[in-house]
Amino acid sequence: MPFRKVYIAATDQHVGKTTVTMGIINHILRHSLDIGFCKPVGQEFVEFDDGFVDKDIALFGNYFGKELKPHLHSPVILKRGVVSSFLDHPERYQFEEKILAAAEKLERRHQFVVYEGTGHTGVGNVVGLSNAKVASLLNCPVILIAEAGIGSTLDKLMLHILHFQQYQVPIAGVILNKTFPEKRTKVLHYLGKVLNKWGIPLLGALPYDKSLAFSVPGTKLKAQHVQKIQTACALFEEFVPYLTQKLSYDIAADINTEAA
């Protein structure tokens, strides 16, 4: 069944959520479809004209030339002190309402929406906003990113998949990142074998590239960021074929439906 939105989550921080999110945005834009993006819960942020946006959202907006609205693209920012304040007075916060309001507008305005999670699956749980809870709130299937490996990778995947299952969130597939060339065949074989038993597709495996580490100083997009994004998008197209084929199929179905 075609999907029109997806939530990108990961087993750890700095595993590749941003790389995959940019790859999906770029792929859909290449097919001339209107895409929206959002980081429902952010922790690292930059100051914007009328508020704050997560640093990854600033990166997406600058590179893809999209106008950013903090209440739409970064509805919840967990600044310093927010957690303790929430624990003392949870009634003062309307986190879920803000996320749902942003999602309703984005999904009405765009043909596809990609949501980027924060940290690992459990991050945000202290304020009731773990990635699993947010994906459930958004009624959104999840693509789970993990570092390439076999034993430890499967152990982590199982823990995180169970957390999503607790909230009845479907896993659309797994993408491996930081895959070493000499281990690629073995990792794909065994991870694919186990994930197939679990009923979860292995969507692809991005290669290890030590240059792909994203940081945004303020809201300025420098030349090195542009080069990294272009590299990330090219790697996504080459090494995540199952997902790109499905997205292309769904996009074609959308175009045919509109033409009819």
C-alpha atoms as a PDB file:
ATOM      1  CA  MET A   1       0.000   0.000   0.000  1.00  0.00           C
ATOM      2  CA  PRO A   2       1.468   3.425  -0.927  1.00  0.00           C
ATOM      3  CA  PHE A   3       2.446   5.673   1.930  1.00  0.00           C
ATOM      4  CA  ARG A   4       2.328   9.465   1.892  1.00  0.00           C
ATOM      5  CA  LYS A   5       4.368  10.149   5.007  1.00  0.00           C
ATOM      6  CA  VAL A   6       7.211   8.507   6.880  1.00  0.00           C
ATOM      7  CA  TYR A   7       8.970   8.920  10.213  1.00  0.00           C
ATOM      8  CA  ILE A   8      12.762   8.485  10.287  1.00  0.00           C
ATOM      9  CA  ALA A   9      14.023   7.011  13.567  1.00  0.00           C
ATOM     10  CA  ALA A  10      17.292   5.433  14.686  1.00  0.00           C
ATOM     11  CA  THR A  11      18.803   3.061  17.201  1.00  0.00           C
ATOM     12  CA  ASP A  12      21.332   5.713  18.321  1.00  0.00           C
ATOM     13  CA  GLN A  13      22.286   9.331  17.866  1.00  0.00           C
ATOM     14  CA  HIS A  14      24.462  10.232  14.872  1.00  0.00           C
ATOM     15  CA  VAL A  15      23.549   7.051  12.983  1.00  0.00           C
ATOM     16  CA  GLY A  16      22.199   8.649   9.794  1.00  0.00           C
ATOM     17  CA  LYS A  17      18.684  10.053  10.230  1.00  0.00           C
ATOM     18  CA  THR A  18      19.630  13.347   8.611  1.00  0.00           C
ATOM     19  CA  THR A  19      21.337  11.636   5.668  1.00  0.00           C
ATOM     20  CA  VAL A  20      18.278   9.465   4.974  1.00  0.00           C
ATOM     21  CA  THR A  21      15.839  12.350   5.435  1.00  0.00           C
ATOM     22  CA  MET A  22      17.747  14.460   2.925  1.00  0.00           C
ATOM     23  CA  GLY A  23      17.896  11.549   0.507  1.00  0.00           C
ATOM     24  CA  ILE A  24      14.123  11.106   0.624  1.00  0.00           C
ATOM     25  CA  ILE A  25      13.456  14.841   0.242  1.00  0.00           C
ATOM     26  CA  ASN A  26      15.830  15.053  -2.715  1.00  0.00           C
ATOM     27  CA  HIS A  27      14.389  11.934  -4.381  1.00  0.00           C
ATOM     28  CA  ILE A  28      10.808  13.193  -4.177  1.00  0.00           C
ATOM     29  CA  LEU A  29      11.721  16.698  -5.347  1.00  0.00           C
ATOM     30  CA  ARG A  30      13.428  15.144  -8.391  1.00  0.00           C
ATOM     31  CA  HIS A  31      10.011  13.755  -9.322  1.00  0.00           C
ATOM     32  CA  SER A  32       8.494  17.248  -9.042  1.00  0.00           C
ATOM     33  CA  LEU A  33       6.225  16.396  -6.124  1.00  0.00           C
ATOM     34  CA  ASP A  34       5.535  18.763  -3.288  1.00  0.00           C
ATOM     35  CA  ILE A  35       7.175  17.546  -0.093  1.00  0.00           C
ATOM     36  CA  GLY A  36       6.970  18.855   3.444  1.00  0.00           C
ATOM     37  CA  PHE A  37       9.329  18.070   6.282  1.00  0.00           C
ATOM     38  CA  CYS A  38       9.225  18.415  10.031  1.00  0.00           C
ATOM     39  CA  LYS A  39      11.228  17.617  13.147  1.00  0.00           C
ATOM     40  CA  PRO A  40       8.399  17.241  15.692  1.00  0.00           C
ATOM     41  CA  VAL A  41      10.778  17.288  18.666  1.00  0.00           C
ATOM     42  CA  GLY A  42      14.134  19.062  18.510  1.00  0.00           C
ATOM     43  CA  GLN A  43      16.947  19.536  21.008  1.00  0.00           C
ATOM     44  CA  GLU A  44      19.684  21.380  19.100  1.00  0.00           C
ATOM     45  CA  PHE A  45      18.342  24.527  17.520  1.00  0.00           C
ATOM     46  CA  VAL A  46      19.197  27.811  15.826  1.00  0.00           C
ATOM     47  CA  GLU A  47      17.462  31.138  16.233  1.00  0.00           C
ATOM     48  CA  PHE A  48      15.144  32.091  13.422  1.00  0.00           C
ATOM     49  CA  ASP A  49      13.230  35.244  12.450  1.00  0.00           C
ATOM     50  CA  ASP A  50      10.176  34.497  14.554  1.00  0.00           C
ATOM     51  CA  GLY A  51      11.367  31.745  16.862  1.00  0.00           C
ATOM     52  CA  PHE A  52      13.639  28.711  16.883  1.00  0.00           C
ATOM     53  CA  VAL A  53      14.044  25.780  14.508  1.00  0.00           C
ATOM     54  CA  ASP A  54      15.952  22.546  14.922  1.00  0.00           C
ATOM     55  CA  LYS A  55      19.403  22.688  13.305  1.00  0.00           C
ATOM     56  CA  ASP A  56      18.529  19.879  10.880  1.00  0.00           C
ATOM     57  CA  ILE A  57      15.408  21.728   9.744  1.00  0.00           C
ATOM     58  CA  ALA A  58      17.566  24.806   9.126  1.00  0.00           C
ATOM     59  CA  LEU A  59      19.850  22.628   7.020  1.00  0.00           C
ATOM     60  CA  PHE A  60      16.951  21.226   4.955  1.00  0.00           C
ATOM     61  CA  GLY A  61      15.342  24.624   4.474  1.00  0.00           C
ATOM     62  CA  ASN A  62      18.538  26.315   3.363  1.00  0.00           C
ATOM     63  CA  TYR A  63      19.642  23.604   0.960  1.00  0.00           C
ATOM     64  CA  PHE A  64      16.267  22.877  -0.626  1.00  0.00           C
ATOM     65  CA  GLY A  65      15.180  26.527  -0.667  1.00  0.00           C
ATOM     66  CA  LYS A  66      12.075  26.064   1.461  1.00  0.00           C
ATOM     67  CA  GLU A  67      10.529  28.751   3.639  1.00  0.00           C
ATOM     68  CA  LEU A  68      10.584  27.723   7.280  1.00  0.00           C
ATOM     69  CA  LYS A  69       7.925  28.317   9.892  1.00  0.00           C
ATOM     70  CA  PRO A  70       8.969  27.286  13.419  1.00  0.00           C
ATOM     71  CA  HIS A  71       5.438  26.274  14.473  1.00  0.00           C
ATOM     72  CA  LEU A  72       5.168  23.970  11.432  1.00  0.00           C
ATOM     73  CA  HIS A  73       8.656  22.605  10.947  1.00  0.00           C
ATOM     74  CA  SER A  74       9.882  22.557  14.584  1.00  0.00           C
ATOM     75  CA  PRO A  75       6.740  22.545  16.729  1.00  0.00           C
ATOM     76  CA  VAL A  76       8.486  21.391  19.925  1.00  0.00           C
ATOM     77  CA  ILE A  77      11.973  22.487  20.973  1.00  0.00           C
ATOM     78  CA  LEU A  78      13.288  21.051  24.247  1.00  0.00           C
ATOM     79  CA  LYS A  79      15.518  23.887  25.374  1.00  0.00           C
ATOM     80  CA  ARG A  80      17.567  23.799  28.565  1.00  0.00           C
ATOM     81  CA  GLY A  81      15.305  23.739  31.600  1.00  0.00           C
ATOM     82  CA  VAL A  82      12.184  22.549  29.779  1.00  0.00           C
ATOM     83  CA  VAL A  83      12.369  18.983  31.119  1.00  0.00           C
ATOM     84  CA  SER A  84      12.516  19.965  34.784  1.00  0.00           C
ATOM     85  CA  SER A  85       9.822  22.591  34.229  1.00  0.00           C
ATOM     86  CA  PHE A  86       7.604  19.998  32.526  1.00  0.00           C
ATOM     87  CA  LEU A  87       8.077  17.536  35.363  1.00  0.00           C
ATOM     88  CA  ASP A  88       7.019  20.214  37.868  1.00  0.00           C
ATOM     89  CA  HIS A  89       4.120  21.594  35.824  1.00  0.00           C
ATOM     90  CA  PRO A  90       3.127  19.340  32.899  1.00  0.00           C
ATOM     91  CA  GLU A  91      -0.214  21.145  32.604  1.00  0.00           C
ATOM     92  CA  ARG A  92       1.596  24.212  31.237  1.00  0.00           C
ATOM     93  CA  TYR A  93       2.697  22.415  28.083  1.00  0.00           C
ATOM     94  CA  GLN A  94       0.712  21.418  25.017  1.00  0.00           C
ATOM     95  CA  PHE A  95       3.376  19.431  23.212  1.00  0.00           C
ATOM     96  CA  GLU A  96       1.060  16.921  21.551  1.00  0.00           C
ATOM     97  CA  GLU A  97      -1.361  19.621  20.416  1.00  0.00           C
ATOM     98  CA  LYS A  98       1.485  21.560  18.776  1.00  0.00           C
ATOM     99  CA  ILE A  99       2.755  18.497  16.935  1.00  0.00           C
ATOM    100  CA  LEU A 100      -0.694  17.494  15.713  1.00  0.00           C
ATOM    101  CA  ALA A 101      -1.498  21.034  14.571  1.00  0.00           C
ATOM    102  CA  ALA A 102       1.735  21.174  12.554  1.00  0.00           C
ATOM    103  CA  ALA A 103       1.130  17.738  11.044  1.00  0.00           C
ATOM    104  CA  GLU A 104      -2.439  18.538  10.032  1.00  0.00           C
ATOM    105  CA  LYS A 105      -1.309  21.595   8.072  1.00  0.00           C
ATOM    106  CA  LEU A 106       1.739  19.947   6.516  1.00  0.00           C
ATOM    107  CA  GLU A 107      -0.142  16.843   5.397  1.00  0.00           C
ATOM    108  CA  ARG A 108      -2.934  18.965   3.919  1.00  0.00           C
ATOM    109  CA  ARG A 109      -0.514  21.216   2.019  1.00  0.00           C
ATOM    110  CA  HIS A 110       1.959  18.638   0.707  1.00  0.00           C
ATOM    111  CA  GLN A 111       1.813  15.403  -1.270  1.00  0.00           C
ATOM    112  CA  PHE A 112       4.373  13.724   0.981  1.00  0.00           C
ATOM    113  CA  VAL A 113       5.715  14.582   4.442  1.00  0.00           C
ATOM    114  CA  VAL A 114       8.894  13.245   6.016  1.00  0.00           C
ATOM    115  CA  TYR A 115       9.285  13.522   9.786  1.00  0.00           C
ATOM    116  CA  GLU A 116      12.738  13.263  11.330  1.00  0.00           C
ATOM    117  CA  GLY A 117      13.027  11.810  14.814  1.00  0.00           C
ATOM    118  CA  THR A 118      15.356  12.871  17.625  1.00  0.00           C
ATOM    119  CA  GLY A 119      18.233  10.776  18.966  1.00  0.00           C
ATOM    120  CA  HIS A 120      17.383   7.132  19.581  1.00  0.00           C
ATOM    121  CA  THR A 121      13.878   5.713  19.904  1.00  0.00           C
ATOM    122  CA  GLY A 122      13.439   6.491  23.593  1.00  0.00           C
ATOM    123  CA  VAL A 123      14.663  10.108  23.516  1.00  0.00           C
ATOM    124  CA  GLY A 124      11.908  12.467  24.680  1.00  0.00           C
ATOM    125  CA  ASN A 125      10.171   9.855  26.801  1.00  0.00           C
ATOM    126  CA  VAL A 126      10.676  11.960  29.943  1.00  0.00           C
ATOM    127  CA  VAL A 127       8.201  14.519  28.570  1.00  0.00           C
ATOM    128  CA  GLY A 128       5.933  11.920  26.992  1.00  0.00           C
ATOM    129  CA  LEU A 129       7.399  12.346  23.514  1.00  0.00           C
ATOM    130  CA  SER A 130       9.551   9.327  22.724  1.00  0.00           C
ATOM    131  CA  ASN A 131      10.000   8.720  19.013  1.00  0.00           C
ATOM    132  CA  ALA A 132       7.632   5.765  19.243  1.00  0.00           C
ATOM    133  CA  LYS A 133       4.977   7.890  20.952  1.00  0.00           C
ATOM    134  CA  VAL A 134       5.327  10.698  18.392  1.00  0.00           C
ATOM    135  CA  ALA A 135       5.163   8.293  15.421  1.00  0.00           C
ATOM    136  CA  SER A 136       2.022   6.781  16.950  1.00  0.00           C
ATOM    137  CA  LEU A 137       0.558  10.241  17.474  1.00  0.00           C
ATOM    138  CA  LEU A 138       1.193  11.020  13.805  1.00  0.00           C
ATOM    139  CA  ASN A 139      -0.159   7.628  12.671  1.00  0.00           C
ATOM    140  CA  CYS A 140       3.040   7.315  10.666  1.00  0.00           C
ATOM    141  CA  PRO A 141       5.073   4.292   9.515  1.00  0.00           C
ATOM    142  CA  VAL A 142       8.718   4.265  10.577  1.00  0.00           C
ATOM    143  CA  ILE A 143      11.974   3.693   8.755  1.00  0.00           C
ATOM    144  CA  LEU A 144      14.558   2.637  11.321  1.00  0.00           C
ATOM    145  CA  ILE A 145      18.250   3.468  10.822  1.00  0.00           C
ATOM    146  CA  ALA A 146      21.015   1.388  12.428  1.00  0.00           C
ATOM    147  CA  GLU A 147      24.778   1.155  12.137  1.00  0.00           C
ATOM    148  CA  ALA A 148      25.813  -1.809  10.006  1.00  0.00           C
ATOM    149  CA  GLY A 149      26.794  -4.948  11.884  1.00  0.00           C
ATOM    150  CA  ILE A 150      25.303  -8.318  12.732  1.00  0.00           C
ATOM    151  CA  GLY A 151      24.946  -9.378  16.374  1.00  0.00           C
ATOM    152  CA  SER A 152      24.949  -6.015  18.144  1.00  0.00           C
ATOM    153  CA  THR A 153      22.929  -4.418  15.342  1.00  0.00           C
ATOM    154  CA  LEU A 154      20.200  -7.053  15.567  1.00  0.00           C
ATOM    155  CA  ASP A 155      20.125  -6.744  19.366  1.00  0.00           C
ATOM    156  CA  LYS A 156      19.584  -2.991  19.120  1.00  0.00           C
ATOM    157  CA  LEU A 157      17.044  -3.326  16.334  1.00  0.00           C
ATOM    158  CA  MET A 158      14.993  -5.792  18.363  1.00  0.00           C
ATOM    159  CA  LEU A 159      14.855  -3.452  21.369  1.00  0.00           C
ATOM    160  CA  HIS A 160      13.771  -0.493  19.280  1.00  0.00           C
ATOM    161  CA  ILE A 161      11.297  -2.453  17.178  1.00  0.00           C
ATOM    162  CA  LEU A 162       9.649  -3.716  20.378  1.00  0.00           C
ATOM    163  CA  HIS A 163       9.279  -0.123  21.573  1.00  0.00           C
ATOM    164  CA  PHE A 164       7.500   0.857  18.360  1.00  0.00           C
ATOM    165  CA  GLN A 165       5.335  -2.249  18.537  1.00  0.00           C
ATOM    166  CA  GLN A 166       4.305  -1.214  22.051  1.00  0.00           C
ATOM    167  CA  TYR A 167       2.678   1.809  20.398  1.00  0.00           C
ATOM    168  CA  GLN A 168       1.425  -0.236  17.414  1.00  0.00           C
ATOM    169  CA  VAL A 169       3.613   1.685  14.984  1.00  0.00           C
ATOM    170  CA  PRO A 170       4.389  -0.211  11.731  1.00  0.00           C
ATOM    171  CA  ILE A 171       8.047  -0.513  10.685  1.00  0.00           C
ATOM    172  CA  ALA A 172       8.253   0.197   6.939  1.00  0.00           C
ATOM    173  CA  GLY A 173      11.833  -1.034   6.806  1.00  0.00           C
ATOM    174  CA  VAL A 174      15.406  -0.798   8.054  1.00  0.00           C
ATOM    175  CA  ILE A 175      18.313   1.083   6.496  1.00  0.00           C
ATOM    176  CA  LEU A 176      21.878   0.317   7.563  1.00  0.00           C
ATOM    177  CA  ASN A 177      24.478   3.057   7.649  1.00  0.00           C
ATOM    178  CA  LYS A 178      28.277   3.164   7.915  1.00  0.00           C
ATOM    179  CA  THR A 179      28.659  -0.153   6.078  1.00  0.00           C
ATOM    180  CA  PHE A 180      32.300  -1.090   5.484  1.00  0.00           C
ATOM    181  CA  PRO A 181      32.883  -2.368   1.919  1.00  0.00           C
ATOM    182  CA  GLU A 182      34.693  -5.533   2.998  1.00  0.00           C
ATOM    183  CA  LYS A 183      31.782  -6.525   5.280  1.00  0.00           C
ATOM    184  CA  ARG A 184      28.921  -5.443   3.050  1.00  0.00           C
ATOM    185  CA  THR A 185      27.992  -8.810   1.501  1.00  0.00           C
ATOM    186  CA  LYS A 186      28.063 -10.639   4.835  1.00  0.00           C
ATOM    187  CA  VAL A 187      26.099  -7.958   6.690  1.00  0.00           C
ATOM    188  CA  LEU A 188      23.417  -7.737   3.993  1.00  0.00           C
ATOM    189  CA  HIS A 189      23.042 -11.512   3.924  1.00  0.00           C
ATOM    190  CA  TYR A 190      22.576 -12.055   7.653  1.00  0.00           C
ATOM    191  CA  LEU A 191      20.647  -8.876   8.449  1.00  0.00           C
ATOM    192  CA  GLY A 192      18.352  -9.498   5.501  1.00  0.00           C
ATOM    193  CA  LYS A 193      17.826 -13.090   6.592  1.00  0.00           C
ATOM    194  CA  VAL A 194      16.801 -12.178  10.145  1.00  0.00           C
ATOM    195  CA  LEU A 195      14.730  -9.130   9.179  1.00  0.00           C
ATOM    196  CA  ASN A 196      12.877 -11.264   6.644  1.00  0.00           C
ATOM    197  CA  LYS A 197      11.892 -13.622   9.480  1.00  0.00           C
ATOM    198  CA  TRP A 198      10.642 -10.602  11.402  1.00  0.00           C
ATOM    199  CA  GLY A 199       8.594  -9.473   8.412  1.00  0.00           C
ATOM    200  CA  ILE A 200      10.560  -6.232   8.006  1.00  0.00           C
ATOM    201  CA  PRO A 201      12.236  -5.215   4.695  1.00  0.00           C
ATOM    202  CA  LEU A 202      15.927  -4.349   4.552  1.00  0.00           C
ATOM    203  CA  LEU A 203      15.702  -1.211   2.411  1.00  0.00           C
ATOM    204  CA  GLY A 204      19.412  -0.671   1.780  1.00  0.00           C
ATOM    205  CA  ALA A 205      22.833  -0.133   3.293  1.00  0.00           C
ATOM    206  CA  LEU A 206      24.674   3.158   3.000  1.00  0.00           C
ATOM    207  CA  PRO A 207      28.486   2.919   2.892  1.00  0.00           C
ATOM    208  CA  TYR A 208      30.789   4.284   5.564  1.00  0.00           C
ATOM    209  CA  ASP A 209      31.794   7.857   4.729  1.00  0.00           C
ATOM    210  CA  LYS A 210      33.582   9.716   7.506  1.00  0.00           C
ATOM    211  CA  SER A 211      32.991  13.063   5.773  1.00  0.00           C
ATOM    212  CA  LEU A 212      29.222  12.922   6.364  1.00  0.00           C
ATOM    213  CA  ALA A 213      28.808  14.715   9.668  1.00  0.00           C
ATOM    214  CA  PHE A 214      26.371  17.604   9.580  1.00  0.00           C
ATOM    215  CA  SER A 215      26.474  20.740  11.678  1.00  0.00           C
ATOM    216  CA  VAL A 216      24.925  24.090  10.937  1.00  0.00           C
ATOM    217  CA  PRO A 217      26.598  27.250  12.284  1.00  0.00           C
ATOM    218  CA  GLY A 218      23.660  29.626  12.616  1.00  0.00           C
ATOM    219  CA  THR A 219      21.463  29.571   9.522  1.00  0.00           C
ATOM    220  CA  LYS A 220      24.284  29.986   6.999  1.00  0.00           C
ATOM    221  CA  LEU A 221      24.824  27.149   4.554  1.00  0.00           C
ATOM    222  CA  LYS A 222      28.500  26.944   3.676  1.00  0.00           C
ATOM    223  CA  ALA A 223      30.136  25.253   0.698  1.00  0.00           C
ATOM    224  CA  GLN A 224      31.230  22.219   2.721  1.00  0.00           C
ATOM    225  CA  HIS A 225      27.636  21.614   3.799  1.00  0.00           C
ATOM    226  CA  VAL A 226      26.459  21.756   0.194  1.00  0.00           C
ATOM    227  CA  GLN A 227      29.095  19.188  -0.812  1.00  0.00           C
ATOM    228  CA  LYS A 228      28.125  16.861   2.053  1.00  0.00           C
ATOM    229  CA  ILE A 229      24.440  17.065   1.190  1.00  0.00           C
ATOM    230  CA  GLN A 230      25.106  16.345  -2.474  1.00  0.00           C
ATOM    231  CA  THR A 231      27.205  13.334  -1.462  1.00  0.00           C
ATOM    232  CA  ALA A 232      24.515  12.094   0.934  1.00  0.00           C
ATOM    233  CA  CYS A 233      21.790  12.388  -1.706  1.00  0.00           C
ATOM    234  CA  ALA A 234      23.883  10.559  -4.299  1.00  0.00           C
ATOM    235  CA  LEU A 235      24.643   7.736  -1.836  1.00  0.00           C
ATOM    236  CA  PHE A 236      20.949   7.420  -0.988  1.00  0.00           C
ATOM    237  CA  GLU A 237      19.996   7.031  -4.644  1.00  0.00           C
ATOM    238  CA  GLU A 238      22.665   4.376  -5.205  1.00  0.00           C
ATOM    239  CA  PHE A 239      22.514   2.316  -2.027  1.00  0.00           C
ATOM    240  CA  VAL A 240      18.843   2.418  -0.934  1.00  0.00           C
ATOM    241  CA  PRO A 241      17.267   0.966  -4.107  1.00  0.00           C
ATOM    242  CA  TYR A 242      14.285  -0.788  -2.518  1.00  0.00           C
ATOM    243  CA  LEU A 243      13.019   2.422  -0.947  1.00  0.00           C
ATOM    244  CA  THR A 244      13.708   4.628  -3.961  1.00  0.00           C
ATOM    245  CA  GLN A 245      11.866   2.147  -6.186  1.00  0.00           C
ATOM    246  CA  LYS A 246       8.864   2.115  -3.841  1.00  0.00           C
ATOM    247  CA  LEU A 247       8.804   5.903  -3.597  1.00  0.00           C
ATOM    248  CA  SER A 248       9.012   6.158  -7.389  1.00  0.00           C
ATOM    249  CA  TYR A 249       6.157   3.643  -7.732  1.00  0.00           C
ATOM    250  CA  ASP A 250       3.993   5.578  -5.265  1.00  0.00           C
ATOM    251  CA  ILE A 251       4.835   8.857  -6.985  1.00  0.00           C
ATOM    252  CA  ALA A 252       3.829   7.412 -10.368  1.00  0.00           C
ATOM    253  CA  ALA A 253       0.566   6.188  -8.830  1.00  0.00           C
ATOM    254  CA  ASP A 254      -0.091   9.700  -7.514  1.00  0.00           C
ATOM    255  CA  ILE A 255       0.559  11.247 -10.917  1.00  0.00           C
ATOM    256  CA  ASN A 256      -1.692   8.729 -12.685  1.00  0.00           C
ATOM    257  CA  THR A 257      -4.470   9.288 -10.147  1.00  0.00           C
ATOM    258  CA  GLU A 258      -4.283  13.060 -10.590  1.00  0.00           C
ATOM    259  CA  ALA A 259      -4.234  12.707 -14.393  1.00  0.00           C
ATOM    260  CA  ALA A 260      -7.350  10.525 -14.270  1.00  0.00           C
END
